[in-house]
Protein backbone atom coordinates (compact mmCIF):
# COMPACT_ATOMS: atom_id res chain seq x y z
CA MET A 1 21.10 -55.16 -17.45
CA ALA A 2 20.64 -59.41 -19.18
CA ASP A 3 19.03 -59.71 -16.09
CA ILE A 4 16.40 -57.01 -16.78
CA GLU A 5 16.25 -58.03 -20.40
CA THR A 6 15.63 -61.52 -19.99
CA GLY A 7 12.38 -60.84 -17.44
CA GLU A 8 10.95 -57.96 -20.31
CA ARG A 9 11.11 -60.66 -22.97
CA ILE A 10 9.52 -63.43 -20.52
CA GLN A 11 6.50 -61.11 -20.32
CA GLN A 12 6.40 -59.75 -23.17
CA LYS A 13 6.31 -63.47 -25.03
CA ALA A 14 3.54 -64.14 -22.36
CA HIS A 15 1.51 -61.29 -23.19
CA GLY A 16 1.12 -62.19 -26.35
CA LEU A 17 0.43 -65.82 -25.91
CA PHE A 18 -1.85 -65.03 -23.46
CA MET A 19 -4.10 -62.58 -25.65
CA GLN A 20 -4.09 -65.16 -28.47
CA PHE A 21 -5.04 -68.24 -26.18
CA GLY A 22 -6.40 -66.83 -23.01
CA LEU A 23 -4.49 -67.26 -19.33
CA ARG A 24 -5.33 -71.27 -18.74
CA SER A 25 -4.56 -72.28 -22.31
CA VAL A 26 -1.09 -71.63 -22.12
CA SER A 27 1.74 -73.45 -19.35
CA MET A 28 4.86 -72.36 -18.43
CA ASP A 29 5.86 -75.09 -20.70
CA ASP A 30 4.34 -73.30 -23.93
CA ILE A 31 6.22 -69.81 -22.92
CA ALA A 32 9.75 -71.29 -22.85
CA ASN A 33 9.69 -73.64 -25.74
CA SER A 34 9.05 -70.08 -27.29
CA LEU A 35 11.73 -67.90 -25.91
CA GLY A 36 13.54 -71.05 -26.25
CA ILE A 37 14.58 -70.74 -22.75
CA SER A 38 14.03 -73.94 -19.87
CA LYS A 39 11.22 -73.86 -17.45
CA LYS A 40 13.39 -72.88 -14.67
CA THR A 41 14.77 -69.45 -16.43
CA ILE A 42 11.32 -68.26 -16.13
CA TYR A 43 10.99 -69.04 -12.66
CA HIS A 44 14.38 -67.25 -12.00
CA TYR A 45 12.40 -64.03 -12.21
CA TYR A 46 8.82 -65.49 -11.79
CA ALA A 47 8.02 -67.28 -8.60
CA ASP A 48 4.83 -69.10 -10.64
CA LYS A 49 1.89 -68.63 -13.15
CA ASP A 50 0.36 -66.27 -10.78
CA GLU A 51 3.07 -63.97 -10.75
CA LEU A 52 3.50 -63.41 -14.46
CA VAL A 53 -0.43 -63.37 -14.98
CA ASP A 54 0.07 -60.06 -12.39
CA ALA A 55 3.01 -58.66 -14.12
CA VAL A 56 1.69 -59.49 -18.04
CA ILE A 57 -1.79 -57.26 -16.98
CA ASP A 58 -0.20 -54.42 -14.54
CA ALA A 59 1.85 -53.83 -17.68
CA GLU A 60 -1.24 -54.04 -19.74
CA PHE A 61 -2.56 -51.73 -17.11
CA ARG A 62 0.42 -48.42 -17.93
CA LYS A 63 0.03 -48.76 -21.90
CA ASN A 64 -3.47 -48.80 -21.65
CA GLU A 65 -3.55 -45.45 -18.99
CA SER A 66 -0.50 -44.34 -21.18
CA ILE A 67 -3.23 -44.45 -24.52
CA CYS A 68 -5.30 -42.73 -23.13
CA GLU A 69 -3.76 -39.73 -21.49
CA TYR A 70 -2.44 -39.22 -24.56
CA ASP A 71 -6.01 -39.50 -26.53
CA ARG A 72 -7.15 -37.20 -23.98
CA VAL A 73 -4.14 -34.77 -24.33
CA ASN A 74 -4.19 -34.66 -27.95
CA SER A 75 -7.80 -35.23 -29.61
CA LYS A 76 -8.82 -32.00 -30.78
CA ASN A 77 -12.01 -32.30 -28.67
CA ALA A 78 -14.68 -35.19 -26.80
CA ILE A 79 -15.91 -37.34 -30.12
CA ASP A 80 -11.93 -36.91 -31.65
CA GLU A 81 -11.11 -38.56 -28.30
CA ILE A 82 -13.14 -41.90 -28.67
CA PHE A 83 -11.93 -42.34 -32.41
CA MET A 84 -8.44 -42.34 -31.46
CA ALA A 85 -9.46 -44.60 -28.78
CA MET A 86 -11.33 -46.87 -30.62
CA ASP A 87 -8.70 -47.73 -33.18
CA LYS A 88 -6.36 -48.67 -30.52
CA VAL A 89 -9.55 -50.90 -28.56
CA VAL A 90 -10.28 -52.14 -32.79
CA GLU A 91 -6.48 -53.48 -32.46
CA MET A 92 -6.23 -54.58 -29.51
CA PHE A 93 -9.55 -57.11 -29.62
CA SER A 94 -8.55 -58.44 -33.01
CA THR A 95 -5.94 -60.30 -31.46
CA MET A 96 -7.46 -60.80 -28.00
CA ASN A 97 -8.94 -64.49 -27.15
CA PRO A 98 -12.26 -63.71 -25.55
CA SER A 99 -11.52 -66.20 -23.22
CA LEU A 100 -9.85 -63.64 -21.27
CA VAL A 101 -11.17 -62.07 -18.41
CA PHE A 102 -13.31 -65.28 -18.12
CA ASP A 103 -9.79 -67.20 -17.78
CA MET A 104 -8.73 -64.50 -14.86
CA GLN A 105 -11.85 -64.07 -12.87
CA LYS A 106 -11.68 -68.71 -12.65
CA TYR A 107 -8.09 -69.11 -12.47
CA PHE A 108 -6.09 -65.85 -11.09
CA PRO A 109 -8.87 -64.04 -8.78
CA LYS A 110 -6.64 -61.74 -7.48
CA VAL A 111 -5.14 -60.73 -10.88
CA PHE A 112 -9.15 -60.69 -11.73
CA GLN A 113 -9.59 -57.85 -9.01
CA LYS A 114 -6.88 -55.52 -9.58
CA PHE A 115 -9.18 -55.76 -13.21
CA HIS A 116 -12.28 -55.12 -11.62
CA SER A 117 -10.99 -52.09 -9.45
CA HIS A 118 -9.14 -50.28 -13.08
CA LYS A 119 -12.32 -51.24 -14.38
CA ASN A 120 -14.62 -49.41 -12.06
CA ASP A 121 -12.15 -46.38 -11.69
CA TYR A 122 -10.15 -45.76 -13.61
CA LEU A 123 -12.22 -46.39 -17.36
CA PHE A 124 -14.60 -45.03 -15.50
CA ASN A 125 -13.48 -41.93 -14.54
CA VAL A 126 -11.89 -41.30 -17.98
CA ILE A 127 -14.93 -42.04 -19.54
CA ARG A 128 -16.69 -39.33 -17.47
CA THR A 129 -13.93 -37.33 -17.74
CA ASN A 130 -15.19 -37.97 -21.72
CA VAL A 131 -18.41 -37.41 -20.87
CA VAL A 132 -18.33 -34.19 -19.18
CA ARG A 133 -16.01 -32.64 -21.55
CA GLY A 134 -18.43 -33.11 -24.92
CA ILE A 135 -20.98 -31.81 -22.68
CA ARG A 136 -18.90 -28.91 -22.51
CA GLU A 137 -17.82 -28.50 -26.14
CA GLU A 138 -22.14 -28.91 -27.01
CA LEU A 139 -21.18 -32.25 -28.99
CA TYR A 140 -23.13 -34.35 -26.32
CA ARG A 141 -26.94 -34.13 -24.83
CA PRO A 142 -26.67 -31.62 -22.08
CA GLU A 143 -29.84 -33.37 -19.65
CA LEU A 144 -27.15 -36.78 -19.97
CA ASN A 145 -26.62 -38.04 -16.34
CA ILE A 146 -23.43 -38.33 -16.93
CA ASP A 147 -22.75 -40.92 -13.73
CA ILE A 148 -25.19 -43.40 -15.61
CA ILE A 149 -24.22 -43.14 -19.09
CA SER A 150 -20.40 -43.36 -17.52
CA ARG A 151 -21.18 -46.66 -15.95
CA PHE A 152 -23.39 -47.74 -18.71
CA ARG A 153 -20.44 -47.45 -20.84
CA VAL A 154 -17.94 -49.65 -18.51
CA GLU A 155 -20.42 -52.24 -18.60
CA SER A 156 -21.38 -52.11 -21.98
CA ILE A 157 -16.98 -52.76 -23.15
CA MET A 158 -17.36 -56.35 -20.98
CA ILE A 159 -20.21 -57.80 -22.85
CA PRO A 160 -18.22 -59.19 -25.83
CA PHE A 161 -16.36 -60.94 -23.49
CA ASN A 162 -19.26 -63.21 -22.14
CA PRO A 163 -19.22 -66.60 -23.07
CA GLU A 164 -23.10 -66.64 -23.84
CA PHE A 165 -23.09 -63.51 -25.94
CA GLN A 166 -19.87 -64.75 -27.99
CA SER A 167 -21.76 -68.24 -28.65
CA LYS A 168 -24.61 -66.32 -30.58
CA MET A 169 -22.20 -64.14 -32.47
CA LYS A 170 -20.20 -64.34 -35.67
CA HIS A 171 -18.37 -61.25 -35.83
CA ASN A 172 -15.27 -60.93 -34.01
CA MET A 173 -14.78 -58.82 -30.67
CA ALA A 174 -13.19 -56.06 -32.88
CA GLU A 175 -16.49 -55.33 -35.29
CA ILE A 176 -18.12 -55.90 -31.90
CA GLU A 177 -16.66 -53.46 -29.83
CA GLU A 178 -16.35 -50.41 -32.74
CA GLU A 179 -20.35 -51.07 -33.13
CA PHE A 180 -21.14 -50.41 -29.06
CA ILE A 181 -18.96 -47.50 -29.83
CA ILE A 182 -20.90 -45.60 -32.49
CA HIS A 183 -23.80 -46.94 -30.75
CA PHE A 184 -22.44 -45.00 -27.66
CA LEU A 185 -21.10 -41.74 -29.49
CA PHE A 186 -25.21 -41.55 -31.26
CA GLY A 187 -26.60 -42.06 -28.15
CA ILE A 188 -25.23 -39.02 -26.43
CA ALA A 189 -24.42 -36.52 -29.14
CA SER A 190 -26.32 -33.65 -29.68
CA PRO A 191 -27.12 -32.35 -33.14
CA LYS A 192 -23.19 -30.32 -33.43
CA GLY A 193 -21.86 -33.81 -32.23
CA TYR A 194 -23.94 -35.66 -34.67
CA LYS A 195 -22.64 -34.29 -37.60
CA MET A 196 -18.38 -34.15 -36.54
CA ILE A 197 -19.48 -38.49 -35.89
CA VAL A 198 -20.74 -38.90 -39.14
CA LYS A 199 -18.04 -36.51 -40.34
CA TYR A 200 -15.15 -38.82 -38.77
CA GLN A 201 -16.60 -41.99 -39.76
CA GLN A 202 -16.11 -40.80 -43.47
CA GLU A 203 -12.65 -39.68 -42.73
CA ARG A 204 -11.70 -42.89 -41.37
CA LEU A 205 -13.89 -44.95 -43.84
CA ASN A 206 -11.73 -42.98 -46.58
CA LYS A 207 -8.24 -43.37 -44.51
CA SER A 208 -9.29 -47.39 -44.65
CA LYS A 209 -10.14 -47.38 -47.86
CA ASP A 210 -6.62 -45.82 -48.91
CA ALA A 211 -4.92 -48.72 -47.04
CA THR A 212 -6.13 -51.03 -49.32
CA LYS A 213 -5.25 -49.43 -52.13
């Protein structure tokens, strides 16, 4: 039991450091020092940094899939599902280092391939299912090309991670991603859906104001 807890502690600490500083910048020494353990202890659980990065990213996939499933099941409609997801995305992006995906692609290619597959398969299907749902509920325009618009949304998620894009922006990733999501929603909304988006935006704004009082 203690072994499992130590392995999870290492993984959780690595997750926090990777998200804050990126994959390349964080060494095994940094993780060991943050936990107050020896580097040898980490190697007892993870053969090398590649294996630890792989475990962290796998755990992140499972967490995100659980959130997506929760949002799908508990949302009132397709737009509500997107707003529920947006809160989680903004929270995640607000503490995420923009170099994360670049580091993964350049220094951890096997992990990046898994990330690439997750994005192109799982996330695409989550978005596609939402678009189909929204059309069925008459909240999205019926003439949409479902596959094109779903693929567009998947790729737009990755834009804030682009180093060239980042260099031209004064806003953080959370602000950028929130703007993208709202832009996407208004672009696919029917007149009925448009009114609902405005309603949810106002409710979200009111909640934010109440939280700061």
